[in-house]
N, C-alpha and C. Protein backbone atom coordinates (compact mmCIF):
# COMPACT_ATOMS: atom_id res chain seq x y z
N MET A 1 18.38 -15.78 11.80
CA MET A 1 18.54 -15.62 10.68
C MET A 1 19.25 -17.16 9.95
N SER A 2 18.43 -17.65 9.12
CA SER A 2 18.92 -19.01 8.56
C SER A 2 19.60 -18.57 6.78
N VAL A 3 20.55 -19.00 6.68
CA VAL A 3 21.07 -18.81 5.08
C VAL A 3 20.16 -19.94 4.43
N ARG A 4 19.81 -19.19 3.20
CA ARG A 4 19.16 -19.97 2.14
C ARG A 4 20.03 -20.84 1.40
N THR A 5 19.88 -22.26 1.09
CA THR A 5 20.64 -22.90 0.71
C THR A 5 19.96 -23.39 -0.97
N ASP A 6 18.70 -23.00 -1.13
CA ASP A 6 17.98 -23.53 -2.14
C ASP A 6 18.32 -22.37 -3.51
N VAL A 7 18.81 -21.25 -3.14
CA VAL A 7 19.02 -20.49 -4.18
C VAL A 7 20.33 -19.58 -4.28
N GLU A 8 20.85 -19.09 -5.09
CA GLU A 8 22.09 -18.35 -5.35
C GLU A 8 21.91 -17.17 -4.41
N MET A 9 22.74 -17.02 -3.57
CA MET A 9 22.86 -15.82 -2.88
C MET A 9 23.56 -14.46 -3.45
N MET A 10 23.24 -13.38 -3.14
CA MET A 10 23.99 -12.28 -3.89
C MET A 10 25.38 -12.13 -3.68
N SER A 11 26.28 -11.87 -4.79
CA SER A 11 27.50 -11.92 -4.74
C SER A 11 28.07 -10.85 -3.98
N ALA A 12 29.40 -10.69 -3.62
CA ALA A 12 30.28 -9.75 -2.86
C ALA A 12 30.17 -8.49 -3.77
N ALA A 13 30.28 -8.51 -5.04
CA ALA A 13 30.14 -7.47 -5.96
C ALA A 13 29.14 -6.75 -6.09
N GLN A 14 27.90 -7.60 -6.00
CA GLN A 14 26.45 -7.21 -6.01
C GLN A 14 26.24 -6.40 -4.63
N ASN A 15 26.85 -6.92 -3.34
CA ASN A 15 26.53 -6.47 -2.24
C ASN A 15 27.21 -4.87 -2.18
N ARG A 16 28.57 -4.82 -2.60
CA ARG A 16 29.02 -3.47 -2.61
C ARG A 16 28.29 -2.59 -3.73
N ALA A 17 28.03 -3.05 -4.90
CA ALA A 17 26.98 -2.25 -5.71
C ALA A 17 25.98 -1.75 -5.21
N LEU A 18 25.01 -2.66 -4.45
CA LEU A 18 23.86 -2.16 -3.89
C LEU A 18 24.03 -1.15 -3.03
N HIS A 19 24.90 -1.26 -2.00
CA HIS A 19 25.14 -0.45 -0.77
C HIS A 19 25.33 0.98 -1.44
N ALA A 20 26.41 0.96 -2.33
CA ALA A 20 26.78 2.21 -3.20
C ALA A 20 25.53 3.10 -3.88
N ALA A 21 24.82 1.94 -4.51
CA ALA A 21 23.44 2.56 -5.05
C ALA A 21 22.28 3.18 -4.16
N LEU A 22 22.35 2.37 -2.87
CA LEU A 22 21.08 2.79 -1.84
C LEU A 22 21.59 4.35 -1.41
N TRP A 23 22.77 4.48 -1.35
CA TRP A 23 23.31 5.88 -0.63
C TRP A 23 23.17 6.83 -1.84
N SER A 24 23.91 6.40 -3.15
CA SER A 24 23.61 7.43 -4.18
C SER A 24 22.31 7.72 -4.69
N VAL A 25 21.38 6.68 -4.69
CA VAL A 25 20.11 6.95 -5.10
C VAL A 25 19.14 7.46 -4.07
N HIS A 26 19.12 6.89 -3.01
CA HIS A 26 18.04 7.17 -1.85
C HIS A 26 18.80 7.80 -0.70
N GLN A 27 19.96 8.00 -0.52
CA GLN A 27 20.76 8.46 0.79
C GLN A 27 20.49 7.58 1.94
N ALA A 28 20.29 6.19 1.59
CA ALA A 28 20.01 5.43 2.45
C ALA A 28 20.99 4.59 3.08
N ARG A 29 21.38 4.43 4.45
CA ARG A 29 22.35 3.85 5.21
C ARG A 29 21.81 3.18 6.32
N GLY A 30 22.35 2.09 6.77
CA GLY A 30 21.96 1.48 7.97
C GLY A 30 20.45 0.86 7.92
N ALA A 31 19.84 1.09 9.00
CA ALA A 31 18.54 0.69 8.84
C ALA A 31 17.45 1.42 7.74
N ASP A 32 17.92 2.62 7.31
CA ASP A 32 17.06 3.09 6.44
C ASP A 32 17.05 2.50 4.99
N ARG A 33 18.11 1.57 4.65
CA ARG A 33 18.12 0.71 3.62
C ARG A 33 16.74 -0.16 3.32
N PHE A 34 16.51 -1.06 4.50
CA PHE A 34 15.49 -1.97 4.45
C PHE A 34 14.15 -1.54 3.80
N PRO A 35 13.65 -0.37 4.28
CA PRO A 35 12.15 -0.16 3.59
C PRO A 35 12.18 0.21 2.02
N VAL A 36 13.50 0.56 1.59
CA VAL A 36 13.72 0.90 0.28
C VAL A 36 13.79 -0.72 -0.65
N LEU A 37 14.75 -1.39 0.26
CA LEU A 37 15.05 -2.85 -0.45
C LEU A 37 13.73 -3.34 -0.64
N THR A 38 12.91 -3.41 0.66
CA THR A 38 11.54 -4.26 0.83
C THR A 38 10.80 -3.84 -0.48
N ARG A 39 10.54 -2.62 -0.77
CA ARG A 39 9.70 -1.91 -1.86
C ARG A 39 10.42 -2.52 -3.05
N LEU A 40 11.75 -2.43 -3.36
CA LEU A 40 12.09 -2.81 -4.69
C LEU A 40 12.15 -4.21 -4.92
N VAL A 41 12.32 -5.19 -4.00
CA VAL A 41 12.33 -6.70 -4.13
C VAL A 41 10.99 -7.43 -3.86
N GLY A 42 10.19 -6.55 -3.39
CA GLY A 42 8.82 -7.15 -3.14
C GLY A 42 8.49 -8.29 -2.10
N ARG A 43 9.59 -8.18 -1.08
CA ARG A 43 9.43 -8.82 0.20
C ARG A 43 10.03 -7.95 1.31
N GLU A 44 9.69 -8.59 2.56
CA GLU A 44 10.40 -7.84 3.40
C GLU A 44 11.79 -8.15 3.48
N VAL A 45 12.83 -7.04 3.74
CA VAL A 45 13.96 -7.37 3.73
C VAL A 45 14.59 -6.79 5.20
N THR A 46 15.07 -7.49 5.98
CA THR A 46 15.43 -7.03 7.25
C THR A 46 17.12 -6.83 7.27
N THR A 47 17.65 -7.79 6.47
CA THR A 47 19.31 -8.12 6.19
C THR A 47 19.51 -8.11 4.63
N THR A 48 20.48 -7.38 4.26
CA THR A 48 20.96 -7.44 2.95
C THR A 48 21.72 -8.69 2.67
N LYS A 49 22.17 -9.72 3.73
CA LYS A 49 22.77 -10.90 3.68
C LYS A 49 21.73 -11.96 3.29
N ASP A 50 20.53 -11.59 3.22
CA ASP A 50 19.50 -12.64 3.07
C ASP A 50 19.11 -12.54 1.56
N LEU A 51 19.53 -11.53 0.67
CA LEU A 51 19.12 -11.11 -0.51
C LEU A 51 19.71 -12.32 -1.47
N THR A 52 18.75 -12.76 -2.24
CA THR A 52 19.56 -13.58 -3.31
C THR A 52 19.98 -12.84 -4.79
N ARG A 53 20.71 -13.57 -5.44
CA ARG A 53 21.28 -12.87 -6.71
C ARG A 53 20.28 -12.34 -7.56
N ASP A 54 19.14 -12.74 -7.73
CA ASP A 54 18.11 -12.38 -8.68
C ASP A 54 17.45 -11.05 -7.91
N GLU A 55 17.39 -11.06 -6.66
CA GLU A 55 16.78 -9.96 -5.88
C GLU A 55 17.71 -8.80 -5.81
N ALA A 56 19.10 -8.96 -5.76
CA ALA A 56 19.94 -7.94 -5.83
C ALA A 56 20.03 -7.40 -7.15
N ARG A 57 19.99 -8.27 -7.98
CA ARG A 57 20.08 -7.74 -9.67
C ARG A 57 18.76 -6.80 -9.78
N ARG A 58 17.37 -7.19 -9.07
CA ARG A 58 16.35 -6.36 -9.51
C ARG A 58 16.35 -5.21 -8.89
N ALA A 59 16.91 -5.13 -7.56
CA ALA A 59 17.06 -3.95 -6.81
C ALA A 59 18.23 -3.03 -7.50
N LEU A 60 19.25 -3.43 -8.10
CA LEU A 60 20.26 -2.66 -8.69
C LEU A 60 19.59 -2.27 -10.11
N ASP A 61 18.80 -2.91 -10.79
CA ASP A 61 18.23 -2.54 -12.02
C ASP A 61 17.31 -1.56 -11.81
N ALA A 62 16.60 -1.31 -10.83
CA ALA A 62 15.50 -0.39 -10.34
C ALA A 62 16.11 0.85 -10.07
N MET A 63 17.65 0.62 -9.74
CA MET A 63 18.20 1.97 -9.18
C MET A 63 19.00 2.69 -10.39
N LYS A 64 18.94 2.08 -11.38
CA LYS A 64 19.59 2.55 -12.55
C LYS A 64 19.17 4.03 -13.24
N PRO A 65 19.99 4.95 -13.49
CA PRO A 65 19.55 5.94 -14.04
C PRO A 65 18.50 5.73 -15.33
N THR A 66 17.48 6.57 -15.16
CA THR A 66 16.40 6.28 -16.39
C THR A 66 16.38 7.08 -17.59
N PHE A 67 17.42 8.11 -17.71
CA PHE A 67 17.64 9.09 -18.69
C PHE A 67 18.42 8.53 -19.82
N THR A 68 18.40 8.94 -20.93
CA THR A 68 19.24 8.59 -21.98
C THR A 68 20.22 9.81 -22.54
N GLU A 69 20.84 9.40 -23.62
CA GLU A 69 21.84 10.47 -23.90
C GLU A 69 20.72 11.77 -24.58
N GLU A 70 19.88 11.34 -25.19
CA GLU A 70 18.96 12.16 -25.74
C GLU A 70 18.19 13.08 -24.82
N ASP A 71 18.00 12.64 -23.36
CA ASP A 71 17.32 13.39 -22.58
C ASP A 71 18.13 14.93 -22.35
N PRO A 72 17.27 15.88 -22.24
CA PRO A 72 17.81 17.09 -21.91
C PRO A 72 18.04 17.05 -20.48
N PHE A 73 19.22 17.77 -19.80
CA PHE A 73 19.36 17.83 -18.23
C PHE A 73 18.64 19.01 -17.80
């Protein structure tokens, strides 16, 4: 694995939030996370350490709840 230097990589806070969201939304841990992330960011993901700040933001945004206060539960 080579660390990319041409783009801003995911922050530590994004990393924590991403792992929490992957478990909360998809019950995905370990290697189960990678197919989910691959689908969310649009490229093959084999390690979260290779995600850019924008990719992490895109994945986190995709996992946000989609209901509003007006929606009945």
